[in-house]
């Protein structure tokens, strides 16, 4: 593969922060270099939704940045990466990206990813969706951003919540062409 993969991971303040945590852990196990930004509200949701330790999550990443650090390496297009995943992505963060607002390091790094024609995968977590949400998703999709909603499949007959999470993690890894066995693929168990 040549030089190792570098992925920017944004975890924003949406429900479903476990997706971002498990994605970061999967990248770490696969020896992918990670650059993490946890928003203030992501940290709050980690406390509300999980038993995970924020300090341990930060240690899982190779590098982590404060969401207010607009001078961070990942805020510049000259800092080369293989792309970015925002997992989960709040509707506020999606709106900021779709409208070029760049109000924090997550949305700024996403804008850089877009302008440098790198892979950007957004895992939105909201339901139901308003026309505003759908419009922002369409705007981003039309310029090549991958919209990968946290909608796990059931064809692999999940028996735990972790199975459901793993399905989304595997699908997200697939978008970066990272080989993984996070979930059972269609055709491997079914004919």
N, C-alpha and C. Protein backbone atom coordinates (compact mmCIF):
# COMPACT_ATOMS: atom_id res chain seq x y z
N UNK A 1 0.81 -1.19 0.00
CA UNK A 1 0.00 0.00 0.00
C UNK A 1 0.85 1.26 0.00
N UNK A 2 2.15 1.13 0.20
CA UNK A 2 3.00 2.32 0.28
C UNK A 2 2.90 2.93 1.66
N UNK A 3 2.69 4.27 1.69
CA UNK A 3 2.58 4.90 3.00
C UNK A 3 1.27 4.49 3.67
N UNK A 4 1.30 4.52 5.00
CA UNK A 4 0.14 4.03 5.75
C UNK A 4 -1.04 5.00 5.61
N UNK A 5 -2.23 4.45 5.83
CA UNK A 5 -3.44 5.25 5.75
C UNK A 5 -3.52 6.21 6.93
N UNK A 6 -4.06 7.41 6.63
CA UNK A 6 -4.33 8.42 7.66
C UNK A 6 -5.79 8.83 7.51
N UNK A 7 -6.57 8.63 8.55
CA UNK A 7 -7.99 8.98 8.52
C UNK A 7 -8.29 9.98 9.64
N UNK A 8 -8.99 11.05 9.29
CA UNK A 8 -9.49 11.99 10.29
C UNK A 8 -10.84 11.47 10.76
N UNK A 9 -11.02 11.44 12.07
CA UNK A 9 -12.29 10.98 12.65
C UNK A 9 -12.88 12.11 13.47
N UNK A 10 -14.09 12.52 13.09
CA UNK A 10 -14.83 13.50 13.87
C UNK A 10 -15.97 12.79 14.56
N UNK A 11 -16.10 13.01 15.85
CA UNK A 11 -17.25 12.49 16.59
C UNK A 11 -18.00 13.71 17.10
N UNK A 12 -19.19 13.93 16.55
CA UNK A 12 -19.94 15.13 16.91
C UNK A 12 -21.01 14.79 17.94
N UNK A 13 -21.71 15.81 18.38
CA UNK A 13 -22.64 15.69 19.50
C UNK A 13 -24.00 15.16 19.13
N UNK A 14 -24.03 14.00 18.54
CA UNK A 14 -25.27 13.35 18.19
C UNK A 14 -25.40 12.08 19.01
N UNK A 15 -26.61 11.61 19.18
CA UNK A 15 -26.78 10.31 19.81
C UNK A 15 -26.10 9.27 18.92
N UNK A 16 -25.59 8.23 19.52
CA UNK A 16 -24.91 7.20 18.75
C UNK A 16 -23.40 7.35 18.75
N UNK A 17 -22.85 8.02 19.78
CA UNK A 17 -21.39 8.20 19.85
C UNK A 17 -20.64 6.87 19.87
N UNK A 18 -21.31 5.80 20.26
CA UNK A 18 -20.66 4.49 20.28
C UNK A 18 -20.16 4.09 18.89
N UNK A 19 -20.85 4.55 17.84
CA UNK A 19 -20.39 4.28 16.48
C UNK A 19 -18.99 4.88 16.27
N UNK A 20 -18.80 6.10 16.68
CA UNK A 20 -17.50 6.75 16.52
C UNK A 20 -16.42 6.08 17.34
N UNK A 21 -16.76 5.70 18.56
CA UNK A 21 -15.80 5.03 19.44
C UNK A 21 -15.38 3.70 18.82
N UNK A 22 -16.35 2.90 18.38
CA UNK A 22 -16.02 1.59 17.79
C UNK A 22 -15.27 1.74 16.46
N UNK A 23 -15.59 2.77 15.67
CA UNK A 23 -14.87 3.02 14.43
C UNK A 23 -13.41 3.34 14.73
N UNK A 24 -13.18 4.22 15.68
CA UNK A 24 -11.82 4.58 16.08
C UNK A 24 -11.06 3.34 16.58
N UNK A 25 -11.70 2.50 17.38
CA UNK A 25 -11.07 1.28 17.87
C UNK A 25 -10.73 0.33 16.72
N UNK A 26 -11.64 0.22 15.75
CA UNK A 26 -11.39 -0.65 14.59
C UNK A 26 -10.19 -0.15 13.79
N UNK A 27 -10.12 1.15 13.57
CA UNK A 27 -8.98 1.72 12.83
C UNK A 27 -7.68 1.47 13.58
N UNK A 28 -7.71 1.60 14.90
CA UNK A 28 -6.52 1.37 15.71
C UNK A 28 -6.04 -0.08 15.57
N UNK A 29 -6.99 -1.04 15.64
CA UNK A 29 -6.62 -2.46 15.48
C UNK A 29 -6.05 -2.74 14.10
N UNK A 30 -6.53 -1.99 13.10
CA UNK A 30 -6.06 -2.18 11.72
C UNK A 30 -4.80 -1.36 11.41
N UNK A 31 -4.26 -0.72 12.44
CA UNK A 31 -3.01 0.07 12.32
C UNK A 31 -3.14 1.24 11.35
N UNK A 32 -4.33 1.84 11.31
CA UNK A 32 -4.56 3.04 10.50
C UNK A 32 -4.27 4.24 11.40
N UNK A 33 -3.50 5.20 10.90
CA UNK A 33 -3.19 6.41 11.66
C UNK A 33 -4.45 7.26 11.77
N UNK A 34 -4.81 7.63 13.00
CA UNK A 34 -6.04 8.37 13.22
C UNK A 34 -5.79 9.75 13.82
N UNK A 35 -6.59 10.70 13.36
CA UNK A 35 -6.56 12.08 13.82
C UNK A 35 -7.97 12.40 14.30
N UNK A 36 -8.16 12.50 15.61
CA UNK A 36 -9.48 12.55 16.23
C UNK A 36 -9.85 13.95 16.70
N UNK A 37 -11.11 14.32 16.42
CA UNK A 37 -11.70 15.51 17.02
C UNK A 37 -13.01 15.09 17.68
N UNK A 38 -13.08 15.28 18.98
CA UNK A 38 -14.31 15.03 19.74
C UNK A 38 -14.92 16.40 20.05
N UNK A 39 -16.15 16.61 19.65
CA UNK A 39 -16.79 17.88 19.98
C UNK A 39 -17.16 17.89 21.47
N UNK A 40 -17.43 19.07 21.96
CA UNK A 40 -17.85 19.24 23.36
C UNK A 40 -19.10 18.40 23.64
N UNK A 41 -20.05 18.41 22.70
CA UNK A 41 -21.28 17.66 22.91
C UNK A 41 -21.10 16.17 22.69
N UNK A 42 -20.11 15.79 21.91
CA UNK A 42 -19.78 14.36 21.81
C UNK A 42 -19.31 13.86 23.16
N UNK A 43 -18.46 14.64 23.81
CA UNK A 43 -17.98 14.25 25.14
C UNK A 43 -19.14 14.11 26.12
N UNK A 44 -20.09 15.03 26.04
CA UNK A 44 -21.26 14.96 26.93
C UNK A 44 -22.08 13.71 26.61
N UNK A 45 -22.27 13.41 25.31
CA UNK A 45 -23.04 12.22 24.94
C UNK A 45 -22.32 10.93 25.32
N UNK A 46 -21.00 10.94 25.28
CA UNK A 46 -20.24 9.77 25.73
C UNK A 46 -20.55 9.49 27.20
N UNK A 47 -20.61 10.55 28.00
CA UNK A 47 -20.95 10.40 29.43
C UNK A 47 -22.38 9.90 29.61
N UNK A 48 -23.31 10.42 28.80
CA UNK A 48 -24.73 10.07 28.93
C UNK A 48 -25.01 8.65 28.42
N UNK A 49 -24.44 8.30 27.26
CA UNK A 49 -24.84 7.08 26.55
C UNK A 49 -23.96 5.86 26.80
N UNK A 50 -22.77 6.05 27.32
CA UNK A 50 -21.84 4.92 27.42
C UNK A 50 -21.16 4.88 28.79
N UNK A 51 -20.43 3.80 29.01
CA UNK A 51 -19.55 3.68 30.18
C UNK A 51 -18.10 3.90 29.76
N UNK A 52 -17.89 4.38 28.54
CA UNK A 52 -16.54 4.58 28.01
C UNK A 52 -15.86 5.76 28.71
N UNK A 53 -14.54 5.68 28.80
CA UNK A 53 -13.72 6.72 29.43
C UNK A 53 -13.15 7.63 28.34
N UNK A 54 -13.44 8.91 28.43
CA UNK A 54 -12.99 9.85 27.39
C UNK A 54 -11.47 9.85 27.26
N UNK A 55 -10.76 9.77 28.37
CA UNK A 55 -9.29 9.71 28.33
C UNK A 55 -8.80 8.52 27.54
N UNK A 56 -9.44 7.37 27.72
CA UNK A 56 -9.06 6.16 26.97
C UNK A 56 -9.39 6.29 25.49
N UNK A 57 -10.52 6.92 25.20
CA UNK A 57 -10.88 7.15 23.79
C UNK A 57 -9.82 8.02 23.12
N UNK A 58 -9.42 9.08 23.80
CA UNK A 58 -8.39 9.97 23.24
C UNK A 58 -7.08 9.22 23.01
N UNK A 59 -6.73 8.30 23.92
CA UNK A 59 -5.50 7.52 23.78
C UNK A 59 -5.57 6.54 22.61
N UNK A 60 -6.78 6.15 22.21
CA UNK A 60 -6.95 5.22 21.10
C UNK A 60 -6.48 5.84 19.79
N UNK A 61 -6.66 7.16 19.67
CA UNK A 61 -6.24 7.88 18.45
C UNK A 61 -4.74 8.14 18.49
N UNK A 62 -4.14 8.18 17.31
CA UNK A 62 -2.72 8.55 17.24
C UNK A 62 -2.53 10.02 17.59
N UNK A 63 -3.47 10.84 17.16
CA UNK A 63 -3.43 12.29 17.41
C UNK A 63 -4.84 12.74 17.73
N UNK A 64 -4.98 13.68 18.65
CA UNK A 64 -6.31 14.26 18.87
C UNK A 64 -6.17 15.77 19.02
N UNK A 65 -7.27 16.43 18.68
CA UNK A 65 -7.28 17.89 18.60
C UNK A 65 -8.51 18.43 19.30
N UNK A 66 -8.38 19.62 19.83
CA UNK A 66 -9.51 20.33 20.41
C UNK A 66 -10.36 20.89 19.29
N UNK A 67 -11.67 20.83 19.43
CA UNK A 67 -12.56 21.30 18.37
C UNK A 67 -12.40 22.79 18.07
N UNK A 68 -11.84 23.55 19.02
CA UNK A 68 -11.66 25.00 18.81
C UNK A 68 -10.31 25.33 18.16
N UNK A 69 -9.44 24.33 17.99
CA UNK A 69 -8.09 24.57 17.45
C UNK A 69 -8.12 24.66 15.92
N UNK A 70 -8.46 25.83 15.44
CA UNK A 70 -8.58 26.02 13.99
C UNK A 70 -7.21 26.09 13.30
N UNK A 71 -6.12 26.05 14.07
CA UNK A 71 -4.78 26.02 13.49
C UNK A 71 -4.20 24.60 13.48
N UNK A 72 -5.00 23.61 13.83
CA UNK A 72 -4.53 22.22 13.86
C UNK A 72 -4.12 21.78 12.46
N UNK A 73 -3.23 20.81 12.40
CA UNK A 73 -2.72 20.30 11.11
C UNK A 73 -3.86 19.92 10.16
N UNK A 74 -4.90 19.28 10.69
CA UNK A 74 -5.99 18.78 9.83
C UNK A 74 -6.87 19.89 9.26
N UNK A 75 -6.61 21.14 9.66
CA UNK A 75 -7.39 22.26 9.12
C UNK A 75 -6.79 22.78 7.82
N UNK A 76 -5.68 22.19 7.38
CA UNK A 76 -5.02 22.64 6.16
C UNK A 76 -5.00 21.54 5.10
N UNK A 77 -5.26 21.93 3.88
CA UNK A 77 -5.22 21.00 2.77
C UNK A 77 -3.83 20.46 2.49
N UNK A 78 -2.80 21.17 2.95
CA UNK A 78 -1.44 20.69 2.72
C UNK A 78 -1.09 19.50 3.63
N UNK A 79 -1.91 19.26 4.66
CA UNK A 79 -1.74 18.08 5.51
C UNK A 79 -2.48 16.94 4.84
N UNK A 80 -1.74 15.99 4.30
CA UNK A 80 -2.34 14.93 3.49
C UNK A 80 -2.95 13.83 4.35
N UNK A 81 -4.18 13.46 3.99
CA UNK A 81 -4.87 12.35 4.64
C UNK A 81 -5.55 11.53 3.54
N UNK A 82 -6.09 10.38 3.93
CA UNK A 82 -6.85 9.56 3.00
C UNK A 82 -8.35 9.83 3.12
N UNK A 83 -8.71 10.81 3.93
CA UNK A 83 -10.10 11.17 4.05
C UNK A 83 -10.53 11.34 5.49
N UNK A 84 -11.84 11.48 5.65
CA UNK A 84 -12.41 11.77 6.96
C UNK A 84 -13.76 11.10 7.10
N UNK A 85 -14.04 10.66 8.32
CA UNK A 85 -15.36 10.15 8.68
C UNK A 85 -15.88 10.97 9.86
N UNK A 86 -17.14 11.37 9.77
CA UNK A 86 -17.79 12.02 10.91
C UNK A 86 -18.87 11.05 11.35
N UNK A 87 -18.62 10.45 12.52
CA UNK A 87 -19.41 9.30 12.95
C UNK A 87 -19.61 9.34 14.45
N UNK A 88 -20.77 9.68 14.97
CA UNK A 88 -21.95 10.12 14.24
C UNK A 88 -21.84 11.59 13.87
N UNK A 89 -22.69 12.00 12.96
CA UNK A 89 -22.71 13.39 12.52
C UNK A 89 -24.04 14.02 12.93
N UNK A 90 -23.96 15.05 13.74
CA UNK A 90 -25.16 15.77 14.14
C UNK A 90 -25.68 16.59 12.97
N UNK A 91 -26.92 16.94 13.02
CA UNK A 91 -27.51 17.77 11.96
C UNK A 91 -26.89 19.16 11.97
N UNK A 92 -26.47 19.65 13.14
CA UNK A 92 -25.78 20.94 13.23
C UNK A 92 -24.45 20.88 12.47
N UNK A 93 -23.68 19.82 12.69
CA UNK A 93 -22.40 19.67 12.00
C UNK A 93 -22.63 19.52 10.51
N UNK A 94 -23.62 18.72 10.12
CA UNK A 94 -23.91 18.55 8.70
C UNK A 94 -24.29 19.88 8.06
N UNK A 95 -25.09 20.67 8.74
CA UNK A 95 -25.49 21.97 8.22
C UNK A 95 -24.28 22.89 8.06
N UNK A 96 -23.39 22.88 9.03
CA UNK A 96 -22.18 23.70 8.96
C UNK A 96 -21.34 23.32 7.74
N UNK A 97 -21.20 22.03 7.50
CA UNK A 97 -20.42 21.56 6.35
C UNK A 97 -21.13 21.91 5.04
N UNK A 98 -22.41 21.62 4.97
CA UNK A 98 -23.18 21.83 3.73
C UNK A 98 -23.23 23.30 3.34
N UNK A 99 -23.12 24.18 4.33
CA UNK A 99 -23.23 25.60 4.06
C UNK A 99 -21.92 26.36 4.20
N UNK A 100 -20.80 25.62 4.31
CA UNK A 100 -19.47 26.24 4.34
C UNK A 100 -19.22 27.12 5.55
N UNK A 101 -19.86 26.80 6.66
CA UNK A 101 -19.77 27.66 7.84
C UNK A 101 -18.47 27.45 8.63
N UNK A 102 -17.96 26.23 8.65
CA UNK A 102 -16.68 25.91 9.31
C UNK A 102 -16.58 26.50 10.72
N UNK A 103 -17.56 26.22 11.56
CA UNK A 103 -17.60 26.83 12.89
C UNK A 103 -16.73 26.14 13.93
N UNK A 104 -16.22 24.94 13.62
CA UNK A 104 -15.28 24.29 14.54
C UNK A 104 -14.34 23.41 13.71
N UNK A 105 -13.43 22.72 14.38
CA UNK A 105 -12.43 21.95 13.65
C UNK A 105 -13.03 20.76 12.90
N UNK A 106 -14.12 20.18 13.39
CA UNK A 106 -14.73 19.08 12.65
C UNK A 106 -15.23 19.56 11.29
N UNK A 107 -16.01 20.64 11.29
CA UNK A 107 -16.55 21.12 10.01
C UNK A 107 -15.45 21.72 9.13
N UNK A 108 -14.44 22.34 9.74
CA UNK A 108 -13.32 22.87 8.93
C UNK A 108 -12.54 21.73 8.28
N UNK A 109 -12.24 20.67 9.04
CA UNK A 109 -11.51 19.53 8.47
C UNK A 109 -12.35 18.87 7.37
N UNK A 110 -13.67 18.83 7.54
CA UNK A 110 -14.54 18.28 6.50
C UNK A 110 -14.50 19.14 5.25
N UNK A 111 -14.51 20.45 5.41
CA UNK A 111 -14.43 21.36 4.26
C UNK A 111 -13.11 21.18 3.51
N UNK A 112 -12.03 20.99 4.26
CA UNK A 112 -10.73 20.74 3.65
C UNK A 112 -10.77 19.42 2.89
N UNK A 113 -11.37 18.41 3.47
CA UNK A 113 -11.49 17.10 2.82
C UNK A 113 -12.24 17.25 1.49
N UNK A 114 -13.31 18.02 1.50
CA UNK A 114 -14.09 18.25 0.27
C UNK A 114 -13.26 19.00 -0.76
N UNK A 115 -12.63 20.10 -0.36
CA UNK A 115 -11.91 20.93 -1.34
C UNK A 115 -10.69 20.23 -1.91
N UNK A 116 -10.14 19.29 -1.16
CA UNK A 116 -8.98 18.54 -1.64
C UNK A 116 -9.39 17.26 -2.38
N UNK A 117 -10.70 17.09 -2.59
CA UNK A 117 -11.24 15.92 -3.29
C UNK A 117 -10.84 14.60 -2.63
N UNK A 118 -10.90 14.59 -1.32
CA UNK A 118 -10.66 13.37 -0.56
C UNK A 118 -11.99 12.78 -0.12
N UNK A 119 -11.97 11.55 0.30
CA UNK A 119 -13.19 10.84 0.71
C UNK A 119 -13.71 11.41 2.02
N UNK A 120 -14.97 11.83 2.04
CA UNK A 120 -15.64 12.26 3.26
C UNK A 120 -16.87 11.38 3.44
N UNK A 121 -16.92 10.70 4.58
CA UNK A 121 -18.05 9.84 4.92
C UNK A 121 -18.74 10.43 6.14
N UNK A 122 -20.03 10.69 5.99
CA UNK A 122 -20.82 11.25 7.08
C UNK A 122 -21.85 10.21 7.50
N UNK A 123 -21.88 9.93 8.81
CA UNK A 123 -22.83 8.97 9.37
C UNK A 123 -23.84 9.75 10.20
N UNK A 124 -24.92 10.22 9.54
CA UNK A 124 -25.91 11.02 10.28
C UNK A 124 -26.71 10.17 11.24
N UNK A 125 -27.09 10.79 12.35
CA UNK A 125 -27.86 10.10 13.38
C UNK A 125 -28.96 11.04 13.84
N UNK A 126 -30.11 10.92 13.21
CA UNK A 126 -31.27 11.73 13.57
C UNK A 126 -32.50 11.06 12.99
N UNK A 127 -33.61 11.15 13.68
CA UNK A 127 -34.85 10.63 13.14
C UNK A 127 -36.03 11.26 13.85
N UNK A 128 -37.08 11.64 13.18
CA UNK A 128 -37.19 11.65 11.72
C UNK A 128 -36.37 12.79 11.13
N UNK A 129 -36.21 12.77 9.82
CA UNK A 129 -35.45 13.80 9.12
C UNK A 129 -36.40 14.88 8.61
N UNK A 130 -36.00 16.13 8.80
CA UNK A 130 -36.79 17.23 8.25
C UNK A 130 -36.33 17.49 6.81
N UNK A 131 -37.07 18.31 6.09
CA UNK A 131 -36.67 18.68 4.73
C UNK A 131 -35.33 19.41 4.74
N UNK A 132 -35.06 20.15 5.80
CA UNK A 132 -33.76 20.85 5.91
C UNK A 132 -32.63 19.82 5.99
N UNK A 133 -32.79 18.81 6.83
CA UNK A 133 -31.77 17.76 6.96
C UNK A 133 -31.54 17.07 5.61
N UNK A 134 -32.63 16.69 4.96
CA UNK A 134 -32.53 15.99 3.68
C UNK A 134 -31.90 16.87 2.61
N UNK A 135 -32.25 18.15 2.63
CA UNK A 135 -31.66 19.10 1.68
C UNK A 135 -30.15 19.21 1.88
N UNK A 136 -29.71 19.28 3.14
CA UNK A 136 -28.27 19.36 3.42
C UNK A 136 -27.56 18.07 2.99
N UNK A 137 -28.21 16.93 3.21
CA UNK A 137 -27.61 15.65 2.78
C UNK A 137 -27.51 15.61 1.26
N UNK A 138 -28.55 16.05 0.58
CA UNK A 138 -28.53 16.06 -0.88
C UNK A 138 -27.44 16.98 -1.40
N UNK A 139 -27.32 18.15 -0.82
CA UNK A 139 -26.30 19.11 -1.23
C UNK A 139 -24.90 18.47 -1.12
N UNK A 140 -24.66 17.77 -0.02
CA UNK A 140 -23.36 17.13 0.18
C UNK A 140 -23.18 15.93 -0.75
N UNK A 141 -24.22 15.14 -0.91
CA UNK A 141 -24.15 13.97 -1.79
C UNK A 141 -23.84 14.38 -3.23
N UNK A 142 -24.42 15.48 -3.66
CA UNK A 142 -24.22 15.94 -5.04
C UNK A 142 -22.78 16.34 -5.33
N UNK A 143 -22.00 16.64 -4.28
CA UNK A 143 -20.58 16.97 -4.50
C UNK A 143 -19.66 15.80 -4.15
N UNK A 144 -20.25 14.63 -3.90
CA UNK A 144 -19.43 13.44 -3.72
C UNK A 144 -19.24 12.96 -2.29
N UNK A 145 -19.84 13.64 -1.33
CA UNK A 145 -19.75 13.18 0.06
C UNK A 145 -20.60 11.91 0.19
N UNK A 146 -20.07 10.93 0.90
CA UNK A 146 -20.80 9.69 1.14
C UNK A 146 -21.68 9.88 2.37
N UNK A 147 -22.97 9.70 2.20
CA UNK A 147 -23.91 9.78 3.31
C UNK A 147 -24.25 8.34 3.68
N UNK A 148 -23.80 7.92 4.87
CA UNK A 148 -23.97 6.54 5.32
C UNK A 148 -24.75 6.55 6.63
N UNK A 149 -26.09 6.62 6.54
CA UNK A 149 -26.88 6.70 7.77
C UNK A 149 -26.67 5.48 8.67
N UNK A 150 -26.80 5.71 9.96
CA UNK A 150 -26.66 4.63 10.92
C UNK A 150 -27.91 3.76 10.87
N UNK A 151 -28.02 3.00 9.79
CA UNK A 151 -29.16 2.10 9.56
C UNK A 151 -28.61 0.69 9.34
N UNK A 152 -28.37 -0.05 10.42
CA UNK A 152 -27.78 -1.38 10.25
C UNK A 152 -28.72 -2.34 9.53
N UNK A 153 -28.12 -3.28 8.81
CA UNK A 153 -28.89 -4.33 8.16
C UNK A 153 -29.23 -5.43 9.15
N UNK A 154 -30.15 -6.27 8.75
CA UNK A 154 -30.55 -7.37 9.62
C UNK A 154 -30.37 -8.73 8.94
N UNK A 155 -29.86 -8.73 7.70
CA UNK A 155 -29.69 -9.99 6.98
C UNK A 155 -28.65 -10.88 7.63
N UNK A 156 -27.77 -10.31 8.45
CA UNK A 156 -26.76 -11.12 9.14
C UNK A 156 -27.27 -11.61 10.51
N UNK A 157 -28.55 -11.39 10.77
CA UNK A 157 -29.21 -11.86 11.99
C UNK A 157 -28.47 -11.44 13.26
N UNK A 158 -28.39 -10.14 13.49
CA UNK A 158 -27.69 -9.67 14.69
C UNK A 158 -28.37 -10.16 15.97
N UNK A 159 -27.56 -10.50 16.95
CA UNK A 159 -28.13 -10.96 18.22
C UNK A 159 -27.80 -10.00 19.36
N UNK A 160 -26.92 -9.02 19.11
CA UNK A 160 -26.57 -8.05 20.14
C UNK A 160 -26.52 -6.65 19.53
N UNK A 161 -26.53 -5.67 20.40
CA UNK A 161 -26.36 -4.28 19.94
C UNK A 161 -24.99 -4.14 19.29
N UNK A 162 -23.98 -4.80 19.84
CA UNK A 162 -22.64 -4.74 19.25
C UNK A 162 -22.65 -5.25 17.81
N UNK A 163 -23.46 -6.27 17.51
CA UNK A 163 -23.58 -6.76 16.13
C UNK A 163 -24.13 -5.66 15.22
N UNK A 164 -25.11 -4.92 15.70
CA UNK A 164 -25.70 -3.83 14.92
C UNK A 164 -24.68 -2.72 14.68
N UNK A 165 -23.92 -2.38 15.72
CA UNK A 165 -22.89 -1.35 15.60
C UNK A 165 -21.81 -1.81 14.62
N UNK A 166 -21.39 -3.06 14.74
CA UNK A 166 -20.33 -3.60 13.88
C UNK A 166 -20.71 -3.52 12.40
N UNK A 167 -21.98 -3.68 12.09
CA UNK A 167 -22.43 -3.59 10.70
C UNK A 167 -22.12 -2.21 10.13
N UNK A 168 -22.44 -1.17 10.89
CA UNK A 168 -22.18 0.21 10.43
C UNK A 168 -20.68 0.48 10.38
N UNK A 169 -19.93 -0.04 11.33
CA UNK A 169 -18.48 0.16 11.33
C UNK A 169 -17.87 -0.48 10.09
N UNK A 170 -18.27 -1.71 9.79
CA UNK A 170 -17.77 -2.40 8.60
C UNK A 170 -18.11 -1.66 7.32
N UNK A 171 -19.35 -1.17 7.23
CA UNK A 171 -19.77 -0.42 6.04
C UNK A 171 -18.95 0.88 5.89
N UNK A 172 -18.64 1.51 7.02
CA UNK A 172 -17.85 2.75 6.99
C UNK A 172 -16.41 2.44 6.57
N UNK A 173 -15.82 1.39 7.12
CA UNK A 173 -14.47 0.98 6.72
C UNK A 173 -14.44 0.67 5.22
N UNK A 174 -15.49 0.03 4.72
CA UNK A 174 -15.57 -0.29 3.29
C UNK A 174 -15.46 0.96 2.42
N UNK A 175 -16.00 2.07 2.88
CA UNK A 175 -15.97 3.31 2.09
C UNK A 175 -14.55 3.83 1.89
N UNK A 176 -13.64 3.44 2.77
CA UNK A 176 -12.23 3.81 2.64
C UNK A 176 -11.40 2.67 2.04
N UNK A 177 -12.11 1.64 1.55
CA UNK A 177 -11.48 0.45 0.97
C UNK A 177 -10.50 -0.21 1.93
N UNK A 178 -10.89 -0.22 3.21
CA UNK A 178 -10.10 -0.87 4.25
C UNK A 178 -10.67 -2.26 4.47
N UNK A 179 -9.88 -3.28 4.18
CA UNK A 179 -10.33 -4.66 4.35
C UNK A 179 -10.68 -4.89 5.80
N UNK A 180 -11.85 -5.53 6.01
CA UNK A 180 -12.29 -5.79 7.37
C UNK A 180 -13.28 -6.94 7.39
N UNK A 181 -13.44 -7.49 8.56
CA UNK A 181 -14.43 -8.55 8.75
C UNK A 181 -15.35 -8.17 9.90
N UNK A 182 -15.71 -6.90 9.94
CA UNK A 182 -16.53 -6.39 11.04
C UNK A 182 -17.94 -6.96 11.04
N UNK A 183 -18.42 -7.38 9.86
CA UNK A 183 -19.77 -7.90 9.77
C UNK A 183 -19.83 -8.99 8.72
N UNK A 184 -20.89 -9.80 8.79
CA UNK A 184 -21.09 -10.87 7.82
C UNK A 184 -21.65 -10.26 6.55
N UNK A 185 -20.98 -10.49 5.44
CA UNK A 185 -21.39 -9.90 4.17
C UNK A 185 -22.44 -10.76 3.49
N UNK A 186 -23.30 -10.11 2.73
CA UNK A 186 -24.32 -10.81 1.96
C UNK A 186 -23.62 -11.78 1.03
N UNK A 187 -24.13 -12.98 0.93
CA UNK A 187 -23.55 -13.97 0.04
C UNK A 187 -22.59 -14.91 0.74
N UNK A 188 -22.09 -14.53 1.91
CA UNK A 188 -21.19 -15.44 2.61
C UNK A 188 -21.96 -16.44 3.46
N UNK A 189 -23.19 -16.07 3.84
CA UNK A 189 -24.02 -16.98 4.63
C UNK A 189 -25.31 -17.29 3.90
N UNK A 190 -25.64 -16.48 2.88
CA UNK A 190 -26.93 -16.61 2.20
C UNK A 190 -26.72 -16.91 0.73
N UNK A 191 -27.63 -17.58 0.12
CA UNK A 191 -27.49 -17.92 -1.30
C UNK A 191 -28.65 -17.39 -2.08
